[in-house]
C-alpha atoms as a PDB file:
ATOM      1  CA  ALA A   1      -0.407   4.374  16.823  1.00  0.00           C
ATOM      2  CA  GLU A   2       0.987   1.710  15.042  1.00  0.00           C
ATOM      3  CA  PRO A   3      -1.290   0.498  11.453  1.00  0.00           C
ATOM      4  CA  ALA A   4      -2.966  -2.811  11.882  1.00  0.00           C
ATOM      5  CA  ALA A   5      -3.749  -5.248   9.579  1.00  0.00           C
ATOM      6  CA  GLY A   6      -7.198  -5.008   8.993  1.00  0.00           C
ATOM      7  CA  GLN A   7      -7.339  -1.160   8.869  1.00  0.00           C
ATOM      8  CA  THR A   8      -7.989   0.133   5.217  1.00  0.00           C
ATOM      9  CA  VAL A   9      -5.834   2.547   3.683  1.00  0.00           C
ATOM     10  CA  THR A  10      -6.940   5.032   0.863  1.00  0.00           C
ATOM     11  CA  ILE A  11      -4.720   5.960  -1.777  1.00  0.00           C
ATOM     12  CA  THR A  12      -3.838   9.342  -1.695  1.00  0.00           C
ATOM     13  CA  ALA A  13      -1.682  10.109  -5.393  1.00  0.00           C
ATOM     14  CA  ASN A  14      -3.176  13.539  -6.175  1.00  0.00           C
ATOM     15  CA  GLY A  15      -4.850  12.060  -9.513  1.00  0.00           C
ATOM     16  CA  GLY A  16      -2.336   9.866 -10.035  1.00  0.00           C
ATOM     17  CA  ARG A  17      -1.482   6.124  -9.796  1.00  0.00           C
ATOM     18  CA  VAL A  18       0.398   4.292  -7.132  1.00  0.00           C
ATOM     19  CA  LEU A  19       3.032   1.159  -8.467  1.00  0.00           C
ATOM     20  CA  VAL A  20       2.022  -1.969  -6.299  1.00  0.00           C
ATOM     21  CA  ARG A  21       5.449  -3.822  -5.677  1.00  0.00           C
ATOM     22  CA  ALA A  22       6.151  -7.786  -4.968  1.00  0.00           C
ATOM     23  CA  GLN A  23       8.680  -6.523  -2.067  1.00  0.00           C
ATOM     24  CA  PRO A  24       9.102  -3.377   0.308  1.00  0.00           C
ATOM     25  CA  ARG A  25      11.464  -1.914  -1.432  1.00  0.00           C
ATOM     26  CA  VAL A  26      13.117  -0.062  -5.087  1.00  0.00           C
ATOM     27  CA  PRO A  27      13.793  -1.828  -6.950  1.00  0.00           C
ATOM     28  CA  SER A  28      11.153  -4.629  -6.754  1.00  0.00           C
ATOM     29  CA  ALA A  29       8.864  -6.286  -9.577  1.00  0.00           C
ATOM     30  CA  ILE A  30       5.713  -4.178 -10.338  1.00  0.00           C
ATOM     31  CA  LEU A  31       2.833  -6.455  -9.713  1.00  0.00           C
ATOM     32  CA  GLY A  32      -0.004  -3.540 -11.362  1.00  0.00           C
ATOM     33  CA  PHE A  33      -1.104  -0.070 -10.035  1.00  0.00           C
ATOM     34  CA  VAL A  34      -3.868   1.312  -7.917  1.00  0.00           C
ATOM     35  CA  THR A  35      -5.514   4.388  -8.459  1.00  0.00           C
ATOM     36  CA  ASP A  36      -5.936   7.643  -6.303  1.00  0.00           C
ATOM     37  CA  GLY A  37      -9.406   7.278  -4.066  1.00  0.00           C
ATOM     38  CA  ALA A  38      -9.219   3.683  -3.960  1.00  0.00           C
ATOM     39  CA  THR A  39      -9.344   1.593  -0.769  1.00  0.00           C
ATOM     40  CA  TYR A  40      -8.093  -1.760   0.028  1.00  0.00           C
ATOM     41  CA  THR A  41      -7.531  -3.642   3.159  1.00  0.00           C
ATOM     42  CA  LEU A  42      -3.995  -3.525   4.803  1.00  0.00           C
ATOM     43  CA  LEU A  43      -2.152  -6.934   5.567  1.00  0.00           C
ATOM     44  CA  GLU A  44       1.070  -5.278   7.423  1.00  0.00           C
ATOM     45  CA  SER A  45       3.446  -2.460   7.452  1.00  0.00           C
ATOM     46  CA  SER A  46       7.043  -2.828   6.798  1.00  0.00           C
ATOM     47  CA  ALA A  47       9.715  -2.202  10.007  1.00  0.00           C
ATOM     48  CA  ASP A  48      10.336   0.695   8.844  1.00  0.00           C
ATOM     49  CA  GLY A  49       6.592   2.030   8.376  1.00  0.00           C
ATOM     50  CA  ALA A  50       8.134   3.168   4.903  1.00  0.00           C
ATOM     51  CA  TRP A  51       5.661   0.726   3.207  1.00  0.00           C
ATOM     52  CA  LEU A  52       2.085  -0.947   3.607  1.00  0.00           C
ATOM     53  CA  LYS A  53       1.192  -4.107   2.205  1.00  0.00           C
ATOM     54  CA  ILE A  54      -2.506  -4.389   0.982  1.00  0.00           C
ATOM     55  CA  ASP A  55      -4.829  -6.678  -0.578  1.00  0.00           C
ATOM     56  CA  PHE A  56      -3.878  -6.909  -4.042  1.00  0.00           C
ATOM     57  CA  GLY A  57      -5.185 -10.599  -4.917  1.00  0.00           C
ATOM     58  CA  GLY A  58      -2.554 -13.131  -4.534  1.00  0.00           C
ATOM     59  CA  ASP A  59      -0.072 -12.686  -1.772  1.00  0.00           C
ATOM     60  CA  GLY A  60      -0.662  -8.748  -1.606  1.00  0.00           C
ATOM     61  CA  GLY A  61       1.511  -6.191  -2.616  1.00  0.00           C
ATOM     62  CA  TRP A  62       3.137  -2.889  -1.368  1.00  0.00           C
ATOM     63  CA  ILE A  63       2.775   0.733  -1.675  1.00  0.00           C
ATOM     64  CA  ALA A  64       4.932   3.387  -0.546  1.00  0.00           C
ATOM     65  CA  ALA A  65       3.279   4.886   2.428  1.00  0.00           C
ATOM     66  CA  ASN A  66       3.497   8.317   1.760  1.00  0.00           C
ATOM     67  CA  LEU A  67       1.085   8.154  -0.917  1.00  0.00           C
ATOM     68  CA  ALA A  68      -1.583   6.306   1.151  1.00  0.00           C
ATOM     69  CA  GLN A  69      -3.900   7.415   4.190  1.00  0.00           C
ATOM     70  CA  ILE A  70      -4.445   4.541   6.881  1.00  0.00           C
ATOM     71  CA  ASN A  71      -8.140   5.003   8.134  1.00  0.00           C
ATOM     72  CA  PRO A  72      -8.532   4.568  11.672  1.00  0.00           C
END
């Protein structure tokens, strides 16, 4: 199933940090970071499914999908 806006995502960085980017690509401006185990509201996902946009203040920010788990 496709991830839906409003679901939550939990960061699964194996004890590390995940960069939050302004756009769903590398390179892109780094807005900050989130830590392992933190939960955020999903705003959208990229067309290819590789990136998730989370509620990170302002317009949100993008994280790599492989570093997060989408909660049902």
